[in-house]
Amino acid sequence: MTNVAVIYYSSTGNVHTMAKAAAESAVKAGAAEVRLLKVAELAPAAVVESNPAWAAHAADTADVPEATLADLEWADVVLFGTPTRYGLPAAQLKQFIDTTGGLWFQGKLVNKVVSSFTSTSTAHGGQESTLLALNNTFYHWGSIIVAPGFADPVQFDPANGNPYGASSVSGNNPNNVAEVNVASVEFQARRAVEIAAALKRGFATV
């Protein structure tokens, strides 16, 4: 049995939708426990309130716990979700990652199974570069990156086709994730749990 943390940042709800789907899929895949966790908001309250969709989503997800380093240490699988900001992860998620130096130094992130997903407003808005940028962190951690690849028929759908991680195109509209993109992140979470479980079994026999 594996522990799964789905850690995400979402401003208007698209990445949150994907994160919920990933968490629910991990449960169905047999994870021992799944924690759905958001990272702290860094934008000033006035900026959030100036965007009705952003403000509404912040209010709707007020009860979602914020991720801590203890959650990261606890998890066997970590799925990270972020919108794209100029082809890079959102600052809110990056800020959380930047606090992990202590865990990294102690080797507590080694061999964790990690994977990531994203959402952009346009089809060529930096999805792949965002996910590859997150991978740079995972290399330093010594974690094991489990991407969805083309390991399931859902990945061959023209609306998916991203082997680096599930992604969606929002059209700059809140809560606008296509069902096929939800299916992709569900597969990604299931694959990560299955690989992590196999690794745990393997390490137990060493």
C-alpha atoms as a PDB file:
ATOM      1  CA  MET A   1       0.000   0.000   0.000  1.00  0.00           C
ATOM      2  CA  THR A   2       1.249   3.458  -0.867  1.00  0.00           C
ATOM      3  CA  ASN A   3       0.733   6.956   0.498  1.00  0.00           C
ATOM      4  CA  VAL A   4      -0.070   9.582  -2.106  1.00  0.00           C
ATOM      5  CA  ALA A   5       0.096  13.367  -1.875  1.00  0.00           C
ATOM      6  CA  VAL A   6      -1.462  15.415  -4.655  1.00  0.00           C
ATOM      7  CA  ILE A   7       0.028  18.882  -4.222  1.00  0.00           C
ATOM      8  CA  TYR A   8      -1.211  21.637  -6.482  1.00  0.00           C
ATOM      9  CA  TYR A   9      -1.756  25.307  -7.114  1.00  0.00           C
ATOM     10  CA  SER A  10      -4.822  26.563  -8.951  1.00  0.00           C
ATOM     11  CA  SER A  11      -6.115  30.089  -9.402  1.00  0.00           C
ATOM     12  CA  THR A  12      -9.429  29.598 -11.205  1.00  0.00           C
ATOM     13  CA  GLY A  13     -10.047  25.873 -10.793  1.00  0.00           C
ATOM     14  CA  ASN A  14      -8.693  23.998 -13.793  1.00  0.00           C
ATOM     15  CA  VAL A  15      -5.669  22.488 -12.069  1.00  0.00           C
ATOM     16  CA  HIS A  16      -7.838  21.837  -9.013  1.00  0.00           C
ATOM     17  CA  THR A  17     -10.198  19.776 -11.165  1.00  0.00           C
ATOM     18  CA  MET A  18      -7.278  17.725 -12.430  1.00  0.00           C
ATOM     19  CA  ALA A  19      -5.860  17.346  -8.920  1.00  0.00           C
ATOM     20  CA  LYS A  20      -9.185  16.017  -7.592  1.00  0.00           C
ATOM     21  CA  ALA A  21      -9.371  13.537 -10.459  1.00  0.00           C
ATOM     22  CA  ALA A  22      -5.805  12.384  -9.747  1.00  0.00           C
ATOM     23  CA  ALA A  23      -6.576  11.928  -6.048  1.00  0.00           C
ATOM     24  CA  GLU A  24      -9.744   9.953  -6.731  1.00  0.00           C
ATOM     25  CA  SER A  25      -7.924   7.751  -9.236  1.00  0.00           C
ATOM     26  CA  ALA A  26      -5.146   7.067  -6.736  1.00  0.00           C
ATOM     27  CA  VAL A  27      -7.737   5.861  -4.240  1.00  0.00           C
ATOM     28  CA  LYS A  28      -9.224   3.514  -6.833  1.00  0.00           C
ATOM     29  CA  ALA A  29      -5.731   2.251  -7.669  1.00  0.00           C
ATOM     30  CA  GLY A  30      -5.381   0.986  -4.118  1.00  0.00           C
ATOM     31  CA  ALA A  31      -3.407   3.716  -2.376  1.00  0.00           C
ATOM     32  CA  ALA A  32      -3.356   3.382   1.404  1.00  0.00           C
ATOM     33  CA  GLU A  33      -4.146   7.057   1.905  1.00  0.00           C
ATOM     34  CA  VAL A  34      -4.416  10.034  -0.410  1.00  0.00           C
ATOM     35  CA  ARG A  35      -4.002  13.666   0.629  1.00  0.00           C
ATOM     36  CA  LEU A  36      -5.267  16.437  -1.646  1.00  0.00           C
ATOM     37  CA  LEU A  37      -3.268  19.532  -0.721  1.00  0.00           C
ATOM     38  CA  LYS A  38      -2.924  23.045  -2.091  1.00  0.00           C
ATOM     39  CA  VAL A  39       0.089  25.292  -1.685  1.00  0.00           C
ATOM     40  CA  ALA A  40      -0.150  28.702  -0.082  1.00  0.00           C
ATOM     41  CA  GLU A  41      -1.365  31.671  -2.101  1.00  0.00           C
ATOM     42  CA  LEU A  42       1.267  34.364  -2.603  1.00  0.00           C
ATOM     43  CA  ALA A  43      -0.767  36.931  -4.520  1.00  0.00           C
ATOM     44  CA  PRO A  44      -2.068  39.894  -2.502  1.00  0.00           C
ATOM     45  CA  ALA A  45      -5.719  39.615  -1.486  1.00  0.00           C
ATOM     46  CA  ALA A  46      -6.560  42.690  -3.545  1.00  0.00           C
ATOM     47  CA  VAL A  47      -5.229  41.028  -6.681  1.00  0.00           C
ATOM     48  CA  VAL A  48      -7.217  37.847  -6.023  1.00  0.00           C
ATOM     49  CA  GLU A  49     -10.390  39.816  -5.342  1.00  0.00           C
ATOM     50  CA  SER A  50      -9.958  41.792  -8.563  1.00  0.00           C
ATOM     51  CA  ASN A  51     -10.591  38.611 -10.564  1.00  0.00           C
ATOM     52  CA  PRO A  52     -14.071  37.176  -9.819  1.00  0.00           C
ATOM     53  CA  ALA A  53     -13.173  33.642 -10.945  1.00  0.00           C
ATOM     54  CA  TRP A  54      -9.994  33.652  -8.852  1.00  0.00           C
ATOM     55  CA  ALA A  55     -11.811  34.964  -5.798  1.00  0.00           C
ATOM     56  CA  ALA A  56     -14.630  32.442  -6.204  1.00  0.00           C
ATOM     57  CA  HIS A  57     -12.220  29.533  -6.497  1.00  0.00           C
ATOM     58  CA  ALA A  58     -10.264  30.688  -3.431  1.00  0.00           C
ATOM     59  CA  ALA A  59     -13.487  30.733  -1.441  1.00  0.00           C
ATOM     60  CA  ASP A  60     -14.652  27.363  -2.775  1.00  0.00           C
ATOM     61  CA  THR A  61     -11.373  25.654  -1.799  1.00  0.00           C
ATOM     62  CA  ALA A  62     -10.822  27.383   1.537  1.00  0.00           C
ATOM     63  CA  ASP A  63     -11.202  24.043   3.308  1.00  0.00           C
ATOM     64  CA  VAL A  64      -8.459  22.284   1.298  1.00  0.00           C
ATOM     65  CA  PRO A  65      -5.438  21.837   3.603  1.00  0.00           C
ATOM     66  CA  GLU A  66      -2.163  23.498   2.697  1.00  0.00           C
ATOM     67  CA  ALA A  67       0.761  21.225   1.936  1.00  0.00           C
ATOM     68  CA  THR A  68       3.558  20.927   4.478  1.00  0.00           C
ATOM     69  CA  LEU A  69       6.995  19.367   4.375  1.00  0.00           C
ATOM     70  CA  ALA A  70       5.645  16.632   6.642  1.00  0.00           C
ATOM     71  CA  ASP A  71       3.186  15.674   3.895  1.00  0.00           C
ATOM     72  CA  LEU A  72       6.029  15.442   1.419  1.00  0.00           C
ATOM     73  CA  GLU A  73       8.110  13.273   3.739  1.00  0.00           C
ATOM     74  CA  TRP A  74       5.105  11.009   4.421  1.00  0.00           C
ATOM     75  CA  ALA A  75       4.233  10.350   0.795  1.00  0.00           C
ATOM     76  CA  ASP A  76       5.515   7.513  -1.362  1.00  0.00           C
ATOM     77  CA  VAL A  77       3.990   9.160  -4.439  1.00  0.00           C
ATOM     78  CA  VAL A  78       3.796  12.906  -5.057  1.00  0.00           C
ATOM     79  CA  LEU A  79       1.750  14.318  -7.911  1.00  0.00           C
ATOM     80  CA  PHE A  80       2.322  18.019  -8.544  1.00  0.00           C
ATOM     81  CA  GLY A  81      -0.152  20.194 -10.417  1.00  0.00           C
ATOM     82  CA  THR A  82       0.396  23.747 -11.598  1.00  0.00           C
ATOM     83  CA  PRO A  83      -0.829  26.191 -14.186  1.00  0.00           C
ATOM     84  CA  THR A  84       1.806  27.503 -16.553  1.00  0.00           C
ATOM     85  CA  ARG A  85       3.321  30.927 -16.034  1.00  0.00           C
ATOM     86  CA  TYR A  86       5.393  31.944 -19.067  1.00  0.00           C
ATOM     87  CA  GLY A  87       6.312  28.305 -19.657  1.00  0.00           C
ATOM     88  CA  LEU A  88       7.282  27.737 -16.020  1.00  0.00           C
ATOM     89  CA  PRO A  89       5.519  26.452 -12.882  1.00  0.00           C
ATOM     90  CA  ALA A  90       3.494  28.979 -10.914  1.00  0.00           C
ATOM     91  CA  ALA A  91       5.439  30.869  -8.249  1.00  0.00           C
ATOM     92  CA  GLN A  92       3.169  29.496  -5.541  1.00  0.00           C
ATOM     93  CA  LEU A  93       4.203  25.904  -6.251  1.00  0.00           C
ATOM     94  CA  LYS A  94       7.824  26.878  -6.802  1.00  0.00           C
ATOM     95  CA  GLN A  95       7.900  28.625  -3.424  1.00  0.00           C
ATOM     96  CA  PHE A  96       6.785  25.409  -1.726  1.00  0.00           C
ATOM     97  CA  ILE A  97       9.424  23.430  -3.602  1.00  0.00           C
ATOM     98  CA  ASP A  98      12.053  25.954  -2.545  1.00  0.00           C
ATOM     99  CA  THR A  99      11.420  25.073   1.125  1.00  0.00           C
ATOM    100  CA  THR A 100      12.381  21.417   0.656  1.00  0.00           C
ATOM    101  CA  GLY A 101      16.131  21.842   1.066  1.00  0.00           C
ATOM    102  CA  GLY A 102      16.192  20.264   4.505  1.00  0.00           C
ATOM    103  CA  LEU A 103      14.418  17.118   3.327  1.00  0.00           C
ATOM    104  CA  TRP A 104      16.663  16.949   0.273  1.00  0.00           C
ATOM    105  CA  PHE A 105      19.820  17.290   2.386  1.00  0.00           C
ATOM    106  CA  GLN A 106      18.676  14.407   4.614  1.00  0.00           C
ATOM    107  CA  GLY A 107      17.971  12.211   1.587  1.00  0.00           C
ATOM    108  CA  LYS A 108      14.288  11.961   2.458  1.00  0.00           C
ATOM    109  CA  LEU A 109      13.117  12.632  -1.081  1.00  0.00           C
ATOM    110  CA  VAL A 110      15.200   9.889  -2.671  1.00  0.00           C
ATOM    111  CA  ASN A 111      13.225   7.192  -4.527  1.00  0.00           C
ATOM    112  CA  LYS A 112       9.871   8.869  -4.128  1.00  0.00           C
ATOM    113  CA  VAL A 113       7.734   8.433  -7.221  1.00  0.00           C
ATOM    114  CA  VAL A 114       6.874  11.840  -8.660  1.00  0.00           C
ATOM    115  CA  SER A 115       4.821  13.073 -11.580  1.00  0.00           C
ATOM    116  CA  SER A 116       3.299  16.376 -12.643  1.00  0.00           C
ATOM    117  CA  PHE A 117       0.434  17.866 -14.649  1.00  0.00           C
ATOM    118  CA  THR A 118      -0.508  21.310 -15.891  1.00  0.00           C
ATOM    119  CA  SER A 119      -3.059  23.557 -17.559  1.00  0.00           C
ATOM    120  CA  THR A 120      -2.557  26.455 -19.957  1.00  0.00           C
ATOM    121  CA  SER A 121      -4.908  28.934 -21.558  1.00  0.00           C
ATOM    122  CA  THR A 122      -3.691  28.122 -25.092  1.00  0.00           C
ATOM    123  CA  ALA A 123      -2.652  24.971 -26.916  1.00  0.00           C
ATOM    124  CA  HIS A 124       0.996  26.026 -27.167  1.00  0.00           C
ATOM    125  CA  GLY A 125       1.219  27.916 -23.904  1.00  0.00           C
ATOM    126  CA  GLY A 126       4.221  26.131 -22.425  1.00  0.00           C
ATOM    127  CA  GLN A 127       2.799  22.859 -21.143  1.00  0.00           C
ATOM    128  CA  GLU A 128       5.834  20.731 -21.930  1.00  0.00           C
ATOM    129  CA  SER A 129       8.380  23.296 -20.739  1.00  0.00           C
ATOM    130  CA  THR A 130       6.525  23.646 -17.429  1.00  0.00           C
ATOM    131  CA  LEU A 131       6.578  19.914 -16.783  1.00  0.00           C
ATOM    132  CA  LEU A 132      10.206  19.592 -17.858  1.00  0.00           C
ATOM    133  CA  ALA A 133      11.119  22.466 -15.535  1.00  0.00           C
ATOM    134  CA  LEU A 134       9.550  20.599 -12.626  1.00  0.00           C
ATOM    135  CA  ASN A 135      11.569  17.523 -13.590  1.00  0.00           C
ATOM    136  CA  ASN A 136      14.765  19.490 -12.941  1.00  0.00           C
ATOM    137  CA  THR A 137      13.793  19.568  -9.268  1.00  0.00           C
ATOM    138  CA  PHE A 138      13.074  15.848  -9.198  1.00  0.00           C
ATOM    139  CA  TYR A 139      16.501  15.032 -10.624  1.00  0.00           C
ATOM    140  CA  HIS A 140      18.089  16.893  -7.722  1.00  0.00           C
ATOM    141  CA  TRP A 141      15.875  15.102  -5.224  1.00  0.00           C
ATOM    142  CA  GLY A 142      16.861  11.676  -6.536  1.00  0.00           C
ATOM    143  CA  SER A 143      13.205  10.897  -7.053  1.00  0.00           C
ATOM    144  CA  ILE A 144      11.831   8.553  -9.698  1.00  0.00           C
ATOM    145  CA  ILE A 145       9.873  10.362 -12.399  1.00  0.00           C
ATOM    146  CA  VAL A 146       6.904   8.379 -13.674  1.00  0.00           C
ATOM    147  CA  ALA A 147       5.398  10.167 -16.650  1.00  0.00           C
ATOM    148  CA  PRO A 148       2.261   8.881 -18.396  1.00  0.00           C
ATOM    149  CA  GLY A 149       4.132   8.389 -21.662  1.00  0.00           C
ATOM    150  CA  PHE A 150       2.078   6.694 -24.337  1.00  0.00           C
ATOM    151  CA  ALA A 151       1.376   3.782 -22.020  1.00  0.00           C
ATOM    152  CA  ASP A 152      -2.420   3.863 -22.333  1.00  0.00           C
ATOM    153  CA  PRO A 153      -4.826   4.381 -25.253  1.00  0.00           C
ATOM    154  CA  VAL A 154      -6.116   7.612 -23.706  1.00  0.00           C
ATOM    155  CA  GLN A 155      -2.714   9.163 -24.384  1.00  0.00           C
ATOM    156  CA  PHE A 156      -3.165   8.767 -28.133  1.00  0.00           C
ATOM    157  CA  ASP A 157      -6.229  11.007 -28.204  1.00  0.00           C
ATOM    158  CA  PRO A 158      -5.336  14.181 -30.172  1.00  0.00           C
ATOM    159  CA  ALA A 159      -6.556  16.266 -27.227  1.00  0.00           C
ATOM    160  CA  ASN A 160      -3.929  14.629 -25.009  1.00  0.00           C
ATOM    161  CA  GLY A 161      -0.744  13.462 -26.674  1.00  0.00           C
ATOM    162  CA  ASN A 162       1.564  14.843 -23.991  1.00  0.00           C
ATOM    163  CA  PRO A 163       3.869  12.071 -22.706  1.00  0.00           C
ATOM    164  CA  TYR A 164       5.401  14.360 -20.055  1.00  0.00           C
ATOM    165  CA  GLY A 165       2.270  14.758 -17.954  1.00  0.00           C
ATOM    166  CA  ALA A 166      -1.455  15.344 -18.282  1.00  0.00           C
ATOM    167  CA  SER A 167      -2.357  18.806 -19.515  1.00  0.00           C
ATOM    168  CA  SER A 168      -5.422  20.771 -20.473  1.00  0.00           C
ATOM    169  CA  VAL A 169      -6.216  23.877 -22.472  1.00  0.00           C
ATOM    170  CA  SER A 170      -8.590  26.129 -20.575  1.00  0.00           C
ATOM    171  CA  GLY A 171      -9.175  28.822 -23.170  1.00  0.00           C
ATOM    172  CA  ASN A 172      -8.730  31.161 -20.202  1.00  0.00           C
ATOM    173  CA  ASN A 173     -12.044  29.944 -18.797  1.00  0.00           C
ATOM    174  CA  PRO A 174     -12.451  28.688 -15.228  1.00  0.00           C
ATOM    175  CA  ASN A 175     -13.336  25.052 -14.573  1.00  0.00           C
ATOM    176  CA  ASN A 176     -12.847  24.148 -18.214  1.00  0.00           C
ATOM    177  CA  VAL A 177     -11.068  20.776 -18.296  1.00  0.00           C
ATOM    178  CA  ALA A 178     -12.052  18.373 -21.062  1.00  0.00           C
ATOM    179  CA  GLU A 179     -13.129  14.884 -20.021  1.00  0.00           C
ATOM    180  CA  VAL A 180     -10.324  13.338 -22.053  1.00  0.00           C
ATOM    181  CA  ASN A 181      -7.795  15.405 -20.074  1.00  0.00           C
ATOM    182  CA  VAL A 182      -9.390  14.219 -16.838  1.00  0.00           C
ATOM    183  CA  ALA A 183      -9.016  10.655 -18.101  1.00  0.00           C
ATOM    184  CA  SER A 184      -5.358  11.336 -18.837  1.00  0.00           C
ATOM    185  CA  VAL A 185      -4.549  12.563 -15.324  1.00  0.00           C
ATOM    186  CA  GLU A 186      -6.515   9.643 -13.880  1.00  0.00           C
ATOM    187  CA  PHE A 187      -4.309   7.261 -15.838  1.00  0.00           C
ATOM    188  CA  GLN A 188      -1.196   9.164 -14.789  1.00  0.00           C
ATOM    189  CA  ALA A 189      -2.100   8.855 -11.102  1.00  0.00           C
ATOM    190  CA  ARG A 190      -2.956   5.185 -11.466  1.00  0.00           C
ATOM    191  CA  ARG A 191       0.343   4.487 -13.209  1.00  0.00           C
ATOM    192  CA  ALA A 192       2.312   6.337 -10.521  1.00  0.00           C
ATOM    193  CA  VAL A 193       0.633   4.338  -7.742  1.00  0.00           C
ATOM    194  CA  GLU A 194       1.225   1.046  -9.535  1.00  0.00           C
ATOM    195  CA  ILE A 195       4.913   1.781 -10.127  1.00  0.00           C
ATOM    196  CA  ALA A 196       5.402   2.956  -6.524  1.00  0.00           C
ATOM    197  CA  ALA A 197       3.753  -0.200  -5.192  1.00  0.00           C
ATOM    198  CA  ALA A 198       6.013  -2.363  -7.364  1.00  0.00           C
ATOM    199  CA  LEU A 199       9.079  -0.463  -6.148  1.00  0.00           C
ATOM    200  CA  LYS A 200       8.092  -0.939  -2.517  1.00  0.00           C
ATOM    201  CA  ARG A 201       7.670  -4.653  -3.077  1.00  0.00           C
ATOM    202  CA  GLY A 202      11.034  -4.801  -4.788  1.00  0.00           C
ATOM    203  CA  PHE A 203      12.881  -2.859  -2.091  1.00  0.00           C
ATOM    204  CA  ALA A 204      11.304  -5.087   0.567  1.00  0.00           C
ATOM    205  CA  THR A 205      13.044  -8.117  -0.929  1.00  0.00           C
ATOM    206  CA  VAL A 206      16.516  -6.514  -1.085  1.00  0.00           C
END
